[in-house]
């Protein structure tokens, strides 16, 4: 392969790499942790960090209102033998 062709291939590869990195960055979403039961950090979940304030408040309110629907440990699974989960 000629030197010029090799350099052109490297430029194409670098451009392709830059494009792939940019796409990957767009796919990575930041999240933040919220306590579903305030004061109990072990009962937390994660939500998108890029929500507008109204949507974030509504989401947190909904999740906290339904915190009893989360299974924090095997004994929280109704109808399932906890011994079968270990």
C-alpha atoms as a PDB file:
ATOM      1  CA  UNK A   1       0.000   0.000   0.000  1.00  0.00           C
ATOM      2  CA  UNK A   2       1.289   3.411  -0.867  1.00  0.00           C
ATOM      3  CA  UNK A   3       2.021   5.876   1.899  1.00  0.00           C
ATOM      4  CA  UNK A   4      -0.617   8.358   0.685  1.00  0.00           C
ATOM      5  CA  UNK A   5      -3.319   5.655   0.591  1.00  0.00           C
ATOM      6  CA  UNK A   6      -2.365   4.547   4.097  1.00  0.00           C
ATOM      7  CA  UNK A   7      -2.620   8.120   5.402  1.00  0.00           C
ATOM      8  CA  UNK A   8      -6.034   8.526   3.739  1.00  0.00           C
ATOM      9  CA  UNK A   9      -7.226   5.278   5.338  1.00  0.00           C
ATOM     10  CA  UNK A  10      -6.018   6.490   8.734  1.00  0.00           C
ATOM     11  CA  UNK A  11      -7.894   9.783   8.278  1.00  0.00           C
ATOM     12  CA  UNK A  12     -11.068   7.883   7.367  1.00  0.00           C
ATOM     13  CA  UNK A  13     -10.614   5.605  10.384  1.00  0.00           C
ATOM     14  CA  UNK A  14     -10.098   8.604  12.680  1.00  0.00           C
ATOM     15  CA  UNK A  15     -13.218  10.306  11.333  1.00  0.00           C
ATOM     16  CA  UNK A  16     -15.200   7.096  11.808  1.00  0.00           C
ATOM     17  CA  UNK A  17     -13.862   6.750  15.349  1.00  0.00           C
ATOM     18  CA  UNK A  18     -14.831  10.342  16.196  1.00  0.00           C
ATOM     19  CA  UNK A  19     -18.341   9.717  14.868  1.00  0.00           C
ATOM     20  CA  UNK A  20     -18.697   6.502  16.886  1.00  0.00           C
ATOM     21  CA  UNK A  21     -17.498   8.243  20.052  1.00  0.00           C
ATOM     22  CA  UNK A  22     -19.979  11.084  19.521  1.00  0.00           C
ATOM     23  CA  UNK A  23     -22.819   8.587  19.043  1.00  0.00           C
ATOM     24  CA  UNK A  24     -21.797   6.706  22.176  1.00  0.00           C
ATOM     25  CA  UNK A  25     -21.700   9.899  24.224  1.00  0.00           C
ATOM     26  CA  UNK A  26     -25.248  10.667  23.122  1.00  0.00           C
ATOM     27  CA  UNK A  27     -26.371   7.220  24.249  1.00  0.00           C
ATOM     28  CA  UNK A  28     -24.948   7.559  27.746  1.00  0.00           C
ATOM     29  CA  UNK A  29     -27.566   9.072  29.987  1.00  0.00           C
ATOM     30  CA  UNK A  30     -26.831  10.529  33.373  1.00  0.00           C
ATOM     31  CA  UNK A  31     -28.926   9.276  36.270  1.00  0.00           C
ATOM     32  CA  UNK A  32     -29.355  10.365  39.829  1.00  0.00           C
ATOM     33  CA  UNK A  33     -30.275   8.403  42.892  1.00  0.00           C
ATOM     34  CA  UNK A  34     -33.406   9.195  44.875  1.00  0.00           C
ATOM     35  CA  UNK A  35     -34.508   7.719  48.167  1.00  0.00           C
ATOM     36  CA  UNK A  36     -37.973   6.269  47.721  1.00  0.00           C
ATOM     37  CA  UNK A  37     -38.394   6.243  51.468  1.00  0.00           C
ATOM     38  CA  UNK A  38     -36.695   9.402  52.752  1.00  0.00           C
ATOM     39  CA  UNK A  39     -34.152   8.603  55.444  1.00  0.00           C
ATOM     40  CA  UNK A  40     -33.636   5.044  54.181  1.00  0.00           C
ATOM     41  CA  UNK A  41     -30.751   5.207  51.678  1.00  0.00           C
ATOM     42  CA  UNK A  42     -30.893   1.443  51.100  1.00  0.00           C
ATOM     43  CA  UNK A  43     -34.348   1.947  49.567  1.00  0.00           C
ATOM     44  CA  UNK A  44     -33.365   4.056  46.589  1.00  0.00           C
ATOM     45  CA  UNK A  45     -33.665   3.928  42.830  1.00  0.00           C
ATOM     46  CA  UNK A  46     -32.250   5.908  39.927  1.00  0.00           C
ATOM     47  CA  UNK A  47     -34.004   8.285  37.554  1.00  0.00           C
ATOM     48  CA  UNK A  48     -32.922  10.297  34.527  1.00  0.00           C
ATOM     49  CA  UNK A  49     -31.066  13.440  35.471  1.00  0.00           C
ATOM     50  CA  UNK A  50     -32.129  15.374  32.376  1.00  0.00           C
ATOM     51  CA  UNK A  51     -35.831  15.690  33.164  1.00  0.00           C
ATOM     52  CA  UNK A  52     -37.446  19.063  33.513  1.00  0.00           C
ATOM     53  CA  UNK A  53     -38.312  19.990  37.107  1.00  0.00           C
ATOM     54  CA  UNK A  54     -42.032  19.271  36.758  1.00  0.00           C
ATOM     55  CA  UNK A  55     -41.546  15.819  35.259  1.00  0.00           C
ATOM     56  CA  UNK A  56     -38.877  14.969  37.830  1.00  0.00           C
ATOM     57  CA  UNK A  57     -41.149  16.008  40.719  1.00  0.00           C
ATOM     58  CA  UNK A  58     -44.052  13.998  39.271  1.00  0.00           C
ATOM     59  CA  UNK A  59     -41.825  10.944  38.762  1.00  0.00           C
ATOM     60  CA  UNK A  60     -40.435  11.090  42.295  1.00  0.00           C
ATOM     61  CA  UNK A  61     -43.920  11.574  43.747  1.00  0.00           C
ATOM     62  CA  UNK A  62     -45.243   8.589  41.773  1.00  0.00           C
ATOM     63  CA  UNK A  63     -42.340   6.341  42.776  1.00  0.00           C
ATOM     64  CA  UNK A  64     -42.579   7.303  46.446  1.00  0.00           C
ATOM     65  CA  UNK A  65     -46.334   6.794  46.445  1.00  0.00           C
ATOM     66  CA  UNK A  66     -45.758   3.289  45.085  1.00  0.00           C
ATOM     67  CA  UNK A  67     -42.609   2.435  47.060  1.00  0.00           C
ATOM     68  CA  UNK A  68     -44.440  -0.524  48.603  1.00  0.00           C
ATOM     69  CA  UNK A  69     -44.455  -2.160  45.166  1.00  0.00           C
ATOM     70  CA  UNK A  70     -40.653  -2.522  45.197  1.00  0.00           C
ATOM     71  CA  UNK A  71     -39.055  -5.704  46.510  1.00  0.00           C
ATOM     72  CA  UNK A  72     -36.094  -4.715  48.656  1.00  0.00           C
ATOM     73  CA  UNK A  73     -35.195  -8.246  49.709  1.00  0.00           C
ATOM     74  CA  UNK A  74     -36.535 -11.772  49.031  1.00  0.00           C
ATOM     75  CA  UNK A  75     -39.029 -11.611  51.900  1.00  0.00           C
ATOM     76  CA  UNK A  76     -40.783  -8.760  50.060  1.00  0.00           C
ATOM     77  CA  UNK A  77     -41.808 -11.079  47.202  1.00  0.00           C
ATOM     78  CA  UNK A  78     -45.369 -12.065  48.045  1.00  0.00           C
ATOM     79  CA  UNK A  79     -46.157 -15.704  47.305  1.00  0.00           C
ATOM     80  CA  UNK A  80     -42.537 -16.672  46.672  1.00  0.00           C
ATOM     81  CA  UNK A  81     -40.647 -18.789  49.190  1.00  0.00           C
ATOM     82  CA  UNK A  82     -37.626 -16.690  50.293  1.00  0.00           C
ATOM     83  CA  UNK A  83     -35.578 -19.892  50.627  1.00  0.00           C
ATOM     84  CA  UNK A  84     -35.991 -20.430  46.892  1.00  0.00           C
ATOM     85  CA  UNK A  85     -34.385 -17.046  46.150  1.00  0.00           C
ATOM     86  CA  UNK A  86     -31.016 -17.789  47.685  1.00  0.00           C
END
